[in-house]
Amino acid sequence: MAPRKELVETPEIGRHRLALDGSWTLLELGEFPRRYLQVYSLLYSFYLLESEDEERADRVRHAYEVFPWRGGSSAVNFYESLWYATPPRHRPQIRQISQHSLVACSRPRA
């Protein structure tokens, strides 16, 4: 079921700054981009369903119909299908990562 057309806005394409607060482990830092892309792809798919690009809208509809939401590989395939339906020029890219006090080290044992 697609969202109502009046709720689907044209996505704002451009630079966005994500301010990440706190101390992150390397595992958390590695997980964040995957989760971000999943949310981005899902939200962008709503736009594609209402767009005039029928080929991409068909790809999105196919993903929603073919991959039952059971987690595991069906979830991976679902998000991957949404990602590839997103035009390459609209896919987010990391331009810069910076933390002024970044030091990679292990925690001392107690």
PDB file of N, CA and C in Angstrom:
ATOM      1  N   MET A   1       0.833  -1.170   0.000  1.00  0.00           N
ATOM      2  CA  MET A   1       0.000   0.000   0.000  1.00  0.00           C
ATOM      3  C   MET A   1       0.885   1.242   0.000  1.00  0.00           C
ATOM      4  N   ALA A   2       0.706   2.089  -0.996  1.00  0.00           N
ATOM      5  CA  ALA A   2       1.514   3.293  -1.136  1.00  0.00           C
ATOM      6  C   ALA A   2       0.915   4.421  -0.296  1.00  0.00           C
ATOM      7  N   PRO A   3       1.753   5.341   0.172  1.00  0.00           N
ATOM      8  CA  PRO A   3       1.245   6.484   0.934  1.00  0.00           C
ATOM      9  C   PRO A   3       0.411   7.389   0.032  1.00  0.00           C
ATOM     10  N   ARG A   4      -0.464   8.167   0.626  1.00  0.00           N
ATOM     11  CA  ARG A   4      -1.282   9.099  -0.144  1.00  0.00           C
ATOM     12  C   ARG A   4      -0.389  10.116  -0.848  1.00  0.00           C
ATOM     13  N   LYS A   5      -0.735  10.424  -2.085  1.00  0.00           N
ATOM     14  CA  LYS A   5       0.099  11.288  -2.913  1.00  0.00           C
ATOM     15  C   LYS A   5       0.406  12.635  -2.256  1.00  0.00           C
ATOM     16  N   GLU A   6      -0.582  13.208  -1.566  1.00  0.00           N
ATOM     17  CA  GLU A   6      -0.342  14.521  -0.962  1.00  0.00           C
ATOM     18  C   GLU A   6       0.658  14.468   0.192  1.00  0.00           C
ATOM     19  N   LEU A   7       0.960  13.270   0.686  1.00  0.00           N
ATOM     20  CA  LEU A   7       1.940  13.120   1.764  1.00  0.00           C
ATOM     21  C   LEU A   7       3.354  12.889   1.236  1.00  0.00           C
ATOM     22  N   VAL A   8       3.473  12.651  -0.053  1.00  0.00           N
ATOM     23  CA  VAL A   8       4.773  12.346  -0.648  1.00  0.00           C
ATOM     24  C   VAL A   8       5.339  13.617  -1.256  1.00  0.00           C
ATOM     25  N   GLU A   9       6.391  14.134  -0.655  1.00  0.00           N
ATOM     26  CA  GLU A   9       7.036  15.343  -1.152  1.00  0.00           C
ATOM     27  C   GLU A   9       8.228  14.965  -2.009  1.00  0.00           C
ATOM     28  N   THR A  10       8.603  15.866  -2.893  1.00  0.00           N
ATOM     29  CA  THR A  10       9.817  15.668  -3.666  1.00  0.00           C
ATOM     30  C   THR A  10      10.993  15.701  -2.698  1.00  0.00           C
ATOM     31  N   PRO A  11      11.836  14.683  -2.733  1.00  0.00           N
ATOM     32  CA  PRO A  11      12.960  14.666  -1.785  1.00  0.00           C
ATOM     33  C   PRO A  11      13.926  15.819  -2.047  1.00  0.00           C
ATOM     34  N   GLU A  12      14.488  16.308  -0.979  1.00  0.00           N
ATOM     35  CA  GLU A  12      15.472  17.381  -1.087  1.00  0.00           C
ATOM     36  C   GLU A  12      16.832  16.752  -1.323  1.00  0.00           C
ATOM     37  N   ILE A  13      17.352  16.995  -2.506  1.00  0.00           N
ATOM     38  CA  ILE A  13      18.641  16.433  -2.873  1.00  0.00           C
ATOM     39  C   ILE A  13      19.704  17.488  -2.606  1.00  0.00           C
ATOM     40  N   GLY A  14      20.761  17.108  -1.959  1.00  0.00           N
ATOM     41  CA  GLY A  14      21.833  18.050  -1.678  1.00  0.00           C
ATOM     42  C   GLY A  14      22.667  17.563  -0.522  1.00  0.00           C
ATOM     43  N   ARG A  15      23.396  18.457   0.045  1.00  0.00           N
ATOM     44  CA  ARG A  15      24.268  18.112   1.171  1.00  0.00           C
ATOM     45  C   ARG A  15      23.494  18.197   2.476  1.00  0.00           C
ATOM     46  N   HIS A  16      23.712  17.213   3.299  1.00  0.00           N
ATOM     47  CA  HIS A  16      23.089  17.183   4.620  1.00  0.00           C
ATOM     48  C   HIS A  16      24.167  16.826   5.631  1.00  0.00           C
ATOM     49  N   ARG A  17      24.150  17.521   6.710  1.00  0.00           N
ATOM     50  CA  ARG A  17      25.117  17.246   7.777  1.00  0.00           C
ATOM     51  C   ARG A  17      24.434  16.411   8.839  1.00  0.00           C
ATOM     52  N   LEU A  18      25.069  15.318   9.205  1.00  0.00           N
ATOM     53  CA  LEU A  18      24.579  14.457  10.275  1.00  0.00           C
ATOM     54  C   LEU A  18      25.498  14.647  11.468  1.00  0.00           C
ATOM     55  N   ALA A  19      24.987  15.228  12.508  1.00  0.00           N
ATOM     56  CA  ALA A  19      25.779  15.436  13.716  1.00  0.00           C
ATOM     57  C   ALA A  19      25.611  14.212  14.617  1.00  0.00           C
ATOM     58  N   LEU A  20      26.676  13.498  14.810  1.00  0.00           N
ATOM     59  CA  LEU A  20      26.654  12.300  15.637  1.00  0.00           C
ATOM     60  C   LEU A  20      27.305  12.635  16.970  1.00  0.00           C
ATOM     61  N   ASP A  21      26.556  12.471  18.016  1.00  0.00           N
ATOM     62  CA  ASP A  21      27.014  12.879  19.334  1.00  0.00           C
ATOM     63  C   ASP A  21      27.447  11.659  20.134  1.00  0.00           C
ATOM     64  N   GLY A  22      28.389  11.831  20.988  1.00  0.00           N
ATOM     65  CA  GLY A  22      28.774  10.768  21.910  1.00  0.00           C
ATOM     66  C   GLY A  22      29.965   9.962  21.430  1.00  0.00           C
ATOM     67  N   SER A  23      30.242   8.925  22.164  1.00  0.00           N
ATOM     68  CA  SER A  23      31.361   8.040  21.877  1.00  0.00           C
ATOM     69  C   SER A  23      30.834   6.805  21.146  1.00  0.00           C
ATOM     70  N   TRP A  24      31.398   6.512  20.009  1.00  0.00           N
ATOM     71  CA  TRP A  24      30.951   5.394  19.190  1.00  0.00           C
ATOM     72  C   TRP A  24      32.035   4.317  19.148  1.00  0.00           C
ATOM     73  N   THR A  25      31.605   3.075  19.215  1.00  0.00           N
ATOM     74  CA  THR A  25      32.554   1.982  18.994  1.00  0.00           C
ATOM     75  C   THR A  25      32.732   1.826  17.485  1.00  0.00           C
ATOM     76  N   LEU A  26      33.776   1.126  17.073  1.00  0.00           N
ATOM     77  CA  LEU A  26      33.980   0.887  15.650  1.00  0.00           C
ATOM     78  C   LEU A  26      32.831   0.075  15.064  1.00  0.00           C
ATOM     79  N   LEU A  27      32.276  -0.841  15.840  1.00  0.00           N
ATOM     80  CA  LEU A  27      31.133  -1.627  15.377  1.00  0.00           C
ATOM     81  C   LEU A  27      29.929  -0.718  15.117  1.00  0.00           C
ATOM     82  N   GLU A  28      29.643   0.189  16.043  1.00  0.00           N
ATOM     83  CA  GLU A  28      28.522   1.123  15.871  1.00  0.00           C
ATOM     84  C   GLU A  28      28.748   2.042  14.675  1.00  0.00           C
ATOM     85  N   LEU A  29      29.970   2.511  14.524  1.00  0.00           N
ATOM     86  CA  LEU A  29      30.298   3.392  13.412  1.00  0.00           C
ATOM     87  C   LEU A  29      30.134   2.663  12.076  1.00  0.00           C
ATOM     88  N   GLY A  30      30.440   1.385  12.054  1.00  0.00           N
ATOM     89  CA  GLY A  30      30.266   0.589  10.842  1.00  0.00           C
ATOM     90  C   GLY A  30      28.810   0.272  10.549  1.00  0.00           C
ATOM     91  N   GLU A  31      27.994   0.136  11.567  1.00  0.00           N
ATOM     92  CA  GLU A  31      26.577  -0.210  11.423  1.00  0.00           C
ATOM     93  C   GLU A  31      25.745   0.983  10.962  1.00  0.00           C
ATOM     94  N   PHE A  32      26.116   2.168  11.365  1.00  0.00           N
ATOM     95  CA  PHE A  32      25.302   3.357  11.084  1.00  0.00           C
ATOM     96  C   PHE A  32      25.012   3.563   9.596  1.00  0.00           C
ATOM     97  N   PRO A  33      26.007   3.509   8.704  1.00  0.00           N
ATOM     98  CA  PRO A  33      25.699   3.748   7.291  1.00  0.00           C
ATOM     99  C   PRO A  33      24.683   2.755   6.713  1.00  0.00           C
ATOM    100  N   ARG A  34      24.753   1.506   7.106  1.00  0.00           N
ATOM    101  CA  ARG A  34      23.803   0.504   6.607  1.00  0.00           C
ATOM    102  C   ARG A  34      22.379   0.855   7.036  1.00  0.00           C
ATOM    103  N   ARG A  35      22.220   1.194   8.298  1.00  0.00           N
ATOM    104  CA  ARG A  35      20.894   1.564   8.803  1.00  0.00           C
ATOM    105  C   ARG A  35      20.383   2.846   8.135  1.00  0.00           C
ATOM    106  N   TYR A  36      21.274   3.795   7.971  1.00  0.00           N
ATOM    107  CA  TYR A  36      20.891   5.057   7.326  1.00  0.00           C
ATOM    108  C   TYR A  36      20.402   4.790   5.902  1.00  0.00           C
ATOM    109  N   LEU A  37      21.130   3.958   5.158  1.00  0.00           N
ATOM    110  CA  LEU A  37      20.732   3.652   3.781  1.00  0.00           C
ATOM    111  C   LEU A  37      19.409   2.908   3.721  1.00  0.00           C
ATOM    112  N   GLN A  38      19.136   2.054   4.689  1.00  0.00           N
ATOM    113  CA  GLN A  38      17.847   1.365   4.725  1.00  0.00           C
ATOM    114  C   GLN A  38      16.700   2.363   4.885  1.00  0.00           C
ATOM    115  N   VAL A  39      16.840   3.267   5.827  1.00  0.00           N
ATOM    116  CA  VAL A  39      15.787   4.271   6.062  1.00  0.00           C
ATOM    117  C   VAL A  39      15.664   5.190   4.850  1.00  0.00           C
ATOM    118  N   TYR A  40      16.782   5.626   4.331  1.00  0.00           N
ATOM    119  CA  TYR A  40      16.785   6.505   3.157  1.00  0.00           C
ATOM    120  C   TYR A  40      16.082   5.822   1.987  1.00  0.00           C
ATOM    121  N   SER A  41      16.443   4.570   1.703  1.00  0.00           N
ATOM    122  CA  SER A  41      15.862   3.833   0.579  1.00  0.00           C
ATOM    123  C   SER A  41      14.364   3.627   0.757  1.00  0.00           C
ATOM    124  N   LEU A  42      13.953   3.326   1.976  1.00  0.00           N
ATOM    125  CA  LEU A  42      12.531   3.142   2.249  1.00  0.00           C
ATOM    126  C   LEU A  42      11.759   4.442   2.002  1.00  0.00           C
ATOM    127  N   LEU A  43      12.246   5.546   2.554  1.00  0.00           N
ATOM    128  CA  LEU A  43      11.565   6.829   2.367  1.00  0.00           C
ATOM    129  C   LEU A  43      11.591   7.272   0.909  1.00  0.00           C
ATOM    130  N   TYR A  44      12.696   7.060   0.239  1.00  0.00           N
ATOM    131  CA  TYR A  44      12.784   7.441  -1.172  1.00  0.00           C
ATOM    132  C   TYR A  44      11.857   6.581  -2.022  1.00  0.00           C
ATOM    133  N   SER A  45      11.623   5.331  -1.630  1.00  0.00           N
ATOM    134  CA  SER A  45      10.732   4.457  -2.391  1.00  0.00           C
ATOM    135  C   SER A  45       9.310   5.006  -2.425  1.00  0.00           C
ATOM    136  N   PHE A  46       8.874   5.678  -1.358  1.00  0.00           N
ATOM    137  CA  PHE A  46       7.545   6.291  -1.351  1.00  0.00           C
ATOM    138  C   PHE A  46       7.440   7.345  -2.458  1.00  0.00           C
ATOM    139  N   TYR A  47       8.505   8.126  -2.598  1.00  0.00           N
ATOM    140  CA  TYR A  47       8.551   9.123  -3.674  1.00  0.00           C
ATOM    141  C   TYR A  47       8.514   8.436  -5.039  1.00  0.00           C
ATOM    142  N   LEU A  48       9.304   7.391  -5.218  1.00  0.00           N
ATOM    143  CA  LEU A  48       9.359   6.703  -6.511  1.00  0.00           C
ATOM    144  C   LEU A  48       8.011   6.108  -6.895  1.00  0.00           C
ATOM    145  N   LEU A  49       7.266   5.609  -5.914  1.00  0.00           N
ATOM    146  CA  LEU A  49       5.956   5.028  -6.215  1.00  0.00           C
ATOM    147  C   LEU A  49       5.008   6.049  -6.833  1.00  0.00           C
ATOM    148  N   GLU A  50       5.188   7.305  -6.501  1.00  0.00           N
ATOM    149  CA  GLU A  50       4.320   8.366  -7.008  1.00  0.00           C
ATOM    150  C   GLU A  50       4.958   9.163  -8.138  1.00  0.00           C
ATOM    151  N   SER A  51       6.178   8.792  -8.525  1.00  0.00           N
ATOM    152  CA  SER A  51       6.879   9.555  -9.559  1.00  0.00           C
ATOM    153  C   SER A  51       6.388   9.154 -10.947  1.00  0.00           C
ATOM    154  N   GLU A  52       6.838   9.900 -11.931  1.00  0.00           N
ATOM    155  CA  GLU A  52       6.481   9.601 -13.316  1.00  0.00           C
ATOM    156  C   GLU A  52       7.445   8.606 -13.947  1.00  0.00           C
ATOM    157  N   ASP A  53       8.455   8.194 -13.218  1.00  0.00           N
ATOM    158  CA  ASP A  53       9.422   7.217 -13.716  1.00  0.00           C
ATOM    159  C   ASP A  53       8.842   5.820 -13.485  1.00  0.00           C
ATOM    160  N   GLU A  54       8.101   5.337 -14.462  1.00  0.00           N
ATOM    161  CA  GLU A  54       7.392   4.060 -14.311  1.00  0.00           C
ATOM    162  C   GLU A  54       8.328   2.879 -14.127  1.00  0.00           C
ATOM    163  N   GLU A  55       9.485   2.909 -14.763  1.00  0.00           N
ATOM    164  CA  GLU A  55      10.431   1.795 -14.617  1.00  0.00           C
ATOM    165  C   GLU A  55      10.892   1.670 -13.166  1.00  0.00           C
ATOM    166  N   ARG A  56      11.250   2.774 -12.560  1.00  0.00           N
ATOM    167  CA  ARG A  56      11.701   2.737 -11.162  1.00  0.00           C
ATOM    168  C   ARG A  56      10.545   2.426 -10.218  1.00  0.00           C
ATOM    169  N   ALA A  57       9.375   2.980 -10.504  1.00  0.00           N
ATOM    170  CA  ALA A  57       8.192   2.688  -9.681  1.00  0.00           C
ATOM    171  C   ALA A  57       7.864   1.196  -9.749  1.00  0.00           C
ATOM    172  N   ASP A  58       8.006   0.590 -10.932  1.00  0.00           N
ATOM    173  CA  ASP A  58       7.769  -0.856 -11.069  1.00  0.00           C
ATOM    174  C   ASP A  58       8.770  -1.665 -10.249  1.00  0.00           C
ATOM    175  N   ARG A  59      10.031  -1.220 -10.218  1.00  0.00           N
ATOM    176  CA  ARG A  59      11.048  -1.906  -9.399  1.00  0.00           C
ATOM    177  C   ARG A  59      10.659  -1.877  -7.925  1.00  0.00           C
ATOM    178  N   VAL A  60      10.190  -0.722  -7.479  1.00  0.00           N
ATOM    179  CA  VAL A  60       9.796  -0.582  -6.073  1.00  0.00           C
ATOM    180  C   VAL A  60       8.581  -1.456  -5.776  1.00  0.00           C
ATOM    181  N   ARG A  61       7.580  -1.400  -6.639  1.00  0.00           N
ATOM    182  CA  ARG A  61       6.397  -2.251  -6.439  1.00  0.00           C
ATOM    183  C   ARG A  61       6.787  -3.721  -6.392  1.00  0.00           C
ATOM    184  N   HIS A  62       7.703  -4.107  -7.262  1.00  0.00           N
ATOM    185  CA  HIS A  62       8.186  -5.491  -7.283  1.00  0.00           C
ATOM    186  C   HIS A  62       8.806  -5.866  -5.935  1.00  0.00           C
ATOM    187  N   ALA A  63       9.625  -4.990  -5.378  1.00  0.00           N
ATOM    188  CA  ALA A  63      10.263  -5.264  -4.082  1.00  0.00           C
ATOM    189  C   ALA A  63       9.218  -5.448  -2.992  1.00  0.00           C
ATOM    190  N   TYR A  64       8.198  -4.588  -2.985  1.00  0.00           N
ATOM    191  CA  TYR A  64       7.152  -4.682  -1.966  1.00  0.00           C
ATOM    192  C   TYR A  64       6.329  -5.962  -2.121  1.00  0.00           C
ATOM    193  N   GLU A  65       6.165  -6.435  -3.347  1.00  0.00           N
ATOM    194  CA  GLU A  65       5.349  -7.628  -3.595  1.00  0.00           C
ATOM    195  C   GLU A  65       6.122  -8.935  -3.399  1.00  0.00           C
ATOM    196  N   VAL A  66       7.385  -8.962  -3.777  1.00  0.00           N
ATOM    197  CA  VAL A  66       8.147 -10.212  -3.838  1.00  0.00           C
ATOM    198  C   VAL A  66       8.797 -10.606  -2.517  1.00  0.00           C
ATOM    199  N   PHE A  67       9.235  -9.634  -1.736  1.00  0.00           N
ATOM    200  CA  PHE A  67       9.988  -9.954  -0.527  1.00  0.00           C
ATOM    201  C   PHE A  67       9.088  -9.842   0.706  1.00  0.00           C
ATOM    202  N   PRO A  68       8.608 -10.968   1.208  1.00  0.00           N
ATOM    203  CA  PRO A  68       7.777 -10.932   2.414  1.00  0.00           C
ATOM    204  C   PRO A  68       8.610 -10.455   3.601  1.00  0.00           C
ATOM    205  N   TRP A  69       7.983  -9.737   4.484  1.00  0.00           N
ATOM    206  CA  TRP A  69       8.725  -9.168   5.612  1.00  0.00           C
ATOM    207  C   TRP A  69       8.899 -10.204   6.701  1.00  0.00           C
ATOM    208  N   ARG A  70       9.962 -10.981   6.571  1.00  0.00           N
ATOM    209  CA  ARG A  70      10.262 -12.012   7.556  1.00  0.00           C
ATOM    210  C   ARG A  70      11.664 -11.848   8.138  1.00  0.00           C
ATOM    211  N   GLY A  71      12.322 -10.773   7.790  1.00  0.00           N
ATOM    212  CA  GLY A  71      13.680 -10.567   8.258  1.00  0.00           C
ATOM    213  C   GLY A  71      14.646 -11.392   7.439  1.00  0.00           C
ATOM    214  N   GLY A  72      15.883 -11.454   7.886  1.00  0.00           N
ATOM    215  CA  GLY A  72      16.890 -12.258   7.203  1.00  0.00           C
ATOM    216  C   GLY A  72      17.106 -11.837   5.765  1.00  0.00           C
ATOM    217  N   SER A  73      17.211 -12.826   4.877  1.00  0.00           N
ATOM    218  CA  SER A  73      17.539 -12.533   3.483  1.00  0.00           C
ATOM    219  C   SER A  73      16.437 -11.767   2.767  1.00  0.00           C
ATOM    220  N   SER A  74      15.174 -11.962   3.167  1.00  0.00           N
ATOM    221  CA  SER A  74      14.115 -11.206   2.494  1.00  0.00           C
ATOM    222  C   SER A  74      14.250  -9.711   2.800  1.00  0.00           C
ATOM    223  N   ALA A  75      14.643  -9.364   4.011  1.00  0.00           N
ATOM    224  CA  ALA A  75      14.850  -7.956   4.354  1.00  0.00           C
ATOM    225  C   ALA A  75      16.057  -7.400   3.594  1.00  0.00           C
ATOM    226  N   VAL A  76      17.121  -8.171   3.528  1.00  0.00           N
ATOM    227  CA  VAL A  76      18.318  -7.738   2.796  1.00  0.00           C
ATOM    228  C   VAL A  76      17.964  -7.490   1.334  1.00  0.00           C
ATOM    229  N   ASN A  77      17.262  -8.439   0.722  1.00  0.00           N
ATOM    230  CA  ASN A  77      16.884  -8.300  -0.687  1.00  0.00           C
ATOM    231  C   ASN A  77      15.913  -7.142  -0.903  1.00  0.00           C
ATOM    232  N   PHE A  78      15.010  -6.931   0.046  1.00  0.00           N
ATOM    233  CA  PHE A  78      14.060  -5.824  -0.041  1.00  0.00           C
ATOM    234  C   PHE A  78      14.799  -4.490  -0.091  1.00  0.00           C
ATOM    235  N   TYR A  79      15.659  -4.249   0.888  1.00  0.00           N
ATOM    236  CA  TYR A  79      16.372  -2.979   0.943  1.00  0.00           C
ATOM    237  C   TYR A  79      17.327  -2.819  -0.234  1.00  0.00           C
ATOM    238  N   GLU A  80      17.949  -3.906  -0.645  1.00  0.00           N
ATOM    239  CA  GLU A  80      18.858  -3.841  -1.790  1.00  0.00           C
ATOM    240  C   GLU A  80      18.084  -3.457  -3.057  1.00  0.00           C
ATOM    241  N   SER A  81      16.890  -4.020  -3.230  1.00  0.00           N
ATOM    242  CA  SER A  81      16.058  -3.678  -4.388  1.00  0.00           C
ATOM    243  C   SER A  81      15.662  -2.208  -4.370  1.00  0.00           C
ATOM    244  N   LEU A  82      15.311  -1.696  -3.190  1.00  0.00           N
ATOM    245  CA  LEU A  82      14.965  -0.281  -3.081  1.00  0.00           C
ATOM    246  C   LEU A  82      16.175   0.595  -3.394  1.00  0.00           C
ATOM    247  N   TRP A  83      17.340   0.177  -2.921  1.00  0.00           N
ATOM    248  CA  TRP A  83      18.569   0.934  -3.167  1.00  0.00           C
ATOM    249  C   TRP A  83      18.843   1.030  -4.661  1.00  0.00           C
ATOM    250  N   TYR A  84      18.726  -0.094  -5.379  1.00  0.00           N
ATOM    251  CA  TYR A  84      19.012  -0.079  -6.816  1.00  0.00           C
ATOM    252  C   TYR A  84      17.917   0.609  -7.620  1.00  0.00           C
ATOM    253  N   ALA A  85      16.740   0.781  -7.055  1.00  0.00           N
ATOM    254  CA  ALA A  85      15.687   1.554  -7.723  1.00  0.00           C
ATOM    255  C   ALA A  85      15.947   3.053  -7.606  1.00  0.00           C
ATOM    256  N   THR A  86      16.731   3.447  -6.614  1.00  0.00           N
ATOM    257  CA  THR A  86      17.066   4.859  -6.420  1.00  0.00           C
ATOM    258  C   THR A  86      18.076   5.290  -7.482  1.00  0.00           C
ATOM    259  N   PRO A  87      17.801   6.367  -8.204  1.00  0.00           N
ATOM    260  CA  PRO A  87      18.757   6.824  -9.218  1.00  0.00           C
ATOM    261  C   PRO A  87      20.132   7.082  -8.592  1.00  0.00           C
ATOM    262  N   PRO A  88      21.211   6.669  -9.251  1.00  0.00           N
ATOM    263  CA  PRO A  88      22.557   6.855  -8.677  1.00  0.00           C
ATOM    264  C   PRO A  88      22.846   8.290  -8.234  1.00  0.00           C
ATOM    265  N   ARG A  89      22.354   9.267  -8.959  1.00  0.00           N
ATOM    266  CA  ARG A  89      22.646  10.660  -8.578  1.00  0.00           C
ATOM    267  C   ARG A  89      21.915  11.076  -7.302  1.00  0.00           C
ATOM    268  N   HIS A  90      20.947  10.267  -6.855  1.00  0.00           N
ATOM    269  CA  HIS A  90      20.200  10.570  -5.632  1.00  0.00           C
ATOM    270  C   HIS A  90      20.597   9.674  -4.469  1.00  0.00           C
ATOM    271  N   ARG A  91      21.574   8.817  -4.670  1.00  0.00           N
ATOM    272  CA  ARG A  91      22.033   7.948  -3.581  1.00  0.00           C
ATOM    273  C   ARG A  91      22.990   8.729  -2.684  1.00  0.00           C
ATOM    274  N   PRO A  92      22.809   8.639  -1.383  1.00  0.00           N
ATOM    275  CA  PRO A  92      23.705   9.389  -0.488  1.00  0.00           C
ATOM    276  C   PRO A  92      25.133   8.856  -0.546  1.00  0.00           C
ATOM    277  N   GLN A  93      26.050   9.774  -0.377  1.00  0.00           N
ATOM    278  CA  GLN A  93      27.470   9.439  -0.340  1.00  0.00           C
ATOM    279  C   GLN A  93      28.106  10.167   0.835  1.00  0.00           C
ATOM    280  N   ILE A  94      29.097   9.543   1.419  1.00  0.00           N
ATOM    281  CA  ILE A  94      29.844  10.197   2.500  1.00  0.00           C
ATOM    282  C   ILE A  94      30.900  11.083   1.858  1.00  0.00           C
ATOM    283  N   ARG A  95      30.842  12.340   2.186  1.00  0.00           N
ATOM    284  CA  ARG A  95      31.837  13.298   1.682  1.00  0.00           C
ATOM    285  C   ARG A  95      32.966  13.511   2.685  1.00  0.00           C
ATOM    286  N   GLN A  96      32.611  13.394   3.979  1.00  0.00           N
ATOM    287  CA  GLN A  96      33.619  13.650   5.003  1.00  0.00           C
ATOM    288  C   GLN A  96      33.148  13.077   6.327  1.00  0.00           C
ATOM    289  N   ILE A  97      34.075  12.532   7.060  1.00  0.00           N
ATOM    290  CA  ILE A  97      33.842  12.129   8.448  1.00  0.00           C
ATOM    291  C   ILE A  97      34.936  12.787   9.262  1.00  0.00           C
ATOM    292  N   SER A  98      34.540  13.473  10.315  1.00  0.00           N
ATOM    293  CA  SER A  98      35.567  14.080  11.156  1.00  0.00           C
ATOM    294  C   SER A  98      35.121  14.094  12.603  1.00  0.00           C
ATOM    295  N   GLN A  99      36.062  13.857  13.449  1.00  0.00           N
ATOM    296  CA  GLN A  99      35.890  14.019  14.892  1.00  0.00           C
ATOM    297  C   GLN A  99      37.210  14.565  15.375  1.00  0.00           C
ATOM    298  N   HIS A 100      37.158  15.632  16.037  1.00  0.00           N
ATOM    299  CA  HIS A 100      38.384  16.340  16.367  1.00  0.00           C
ATOM    300  C   HIS A 100      39.249  15.626  17.385  1.00  0.00           C
ATOM    301  N   SER A 101      38.660  14.696  18.114  1.00  0.00           N
ATOM    302  CA  SER A 101      39.464  13.998  19.113  1.00  0.00           C
ATOM    303  C   SER A 101      39.439  12.485  18.875  1.00  0.00           C
ATOM    304  N   LEU A 102      39.398  12.069  17.624  1.00  0.00           N
ATOM    305  CA  LEU A 102      39.317  10.655  17.286  1.00  0.00           C
ATOM    306  C   LEU A 102      40.638   9.965  17.594  1.00  0.00           C
ATOM    307  N   VAL A 103      40.570   8.960  18.437  1.00  0.00           N
ATOM    308  CA  VAL A 103      41.730   8.146  18.766  1.00  0.00           C
ATOM    309  C   VAL A 103      41.258   6.695  18.784  1.00  0.00           C
ATOM    310  N   ALA A 104      41.886   5.868  18.010  1.00  0.00           N
ATOM    311  CA  ALA A 104      41.527   4.439  17.984  1.00  0.00           C
ATOM    312  C   ALA A 104      42.399   3.724  19.007  1.00  0.00           C
ATOM    313  N   CYS A 105      41.762   3.121  19.967  1.00  0.00           N
ATOM    314  CA  CYS A 105      42.499   2.357  20.966  1.00  0.00           C
ATOM    315  C   CYS A 105      41.540   1.384  21.626  1.00  0.00           C
ATOM    316  N   SER A 106      42.094   0.410  22.263  1.00  0.00           N
ATOM    317  CA  SER A 106      41.251  -0.509  23.013  1.00  0.00           C
ATOM    318  C   SER A 106      41.109   0.034  24.433  1.00  0.00           C
ATOM    319  N   ARG A 107      40.067  -0.386  25.100  1.00  0.00           N
ATOM    320  CA  ARG A 107      39.858   0.040  26.483  1.00  0.00           C
ATOM    321  C   ARG A 107      40.786  -0.744  27.405  1.00  0.00           C
ATOM    322  N   PRO A 108      41.303  -0.080  28.401  1.00  0.00           N
ATOM    323  CA  PRO A 108      42.183  -0.788  29.348  1.00  0.00           C
ATOM    324  C   PRO A 108      41.369  -1.803  30.151  1.00  0.00           C
ATOM    325  N   ARG A 109      41.986  -2.901  30.470  1.00  0.00           N
ATOM    326  CA  ARG A 109      41.314  -3.921  31.277  1.00  0.00           C
ATOM    327  C   ARG A 109      41.271  -3.498  32.725  1.00  0.00           C
ATOM    328  N   ALA A 110      40.161  -3.809  33.350  1.00  0.00           N
ATOM    329  CA  ALA A 110      40.000  -3.447  34.777  1.00  0.00           C
ATOM    330  C   ALA A 110      40.676  -4.439  35.669  1.00  0.00           C
TER     331      ALA A 110
END
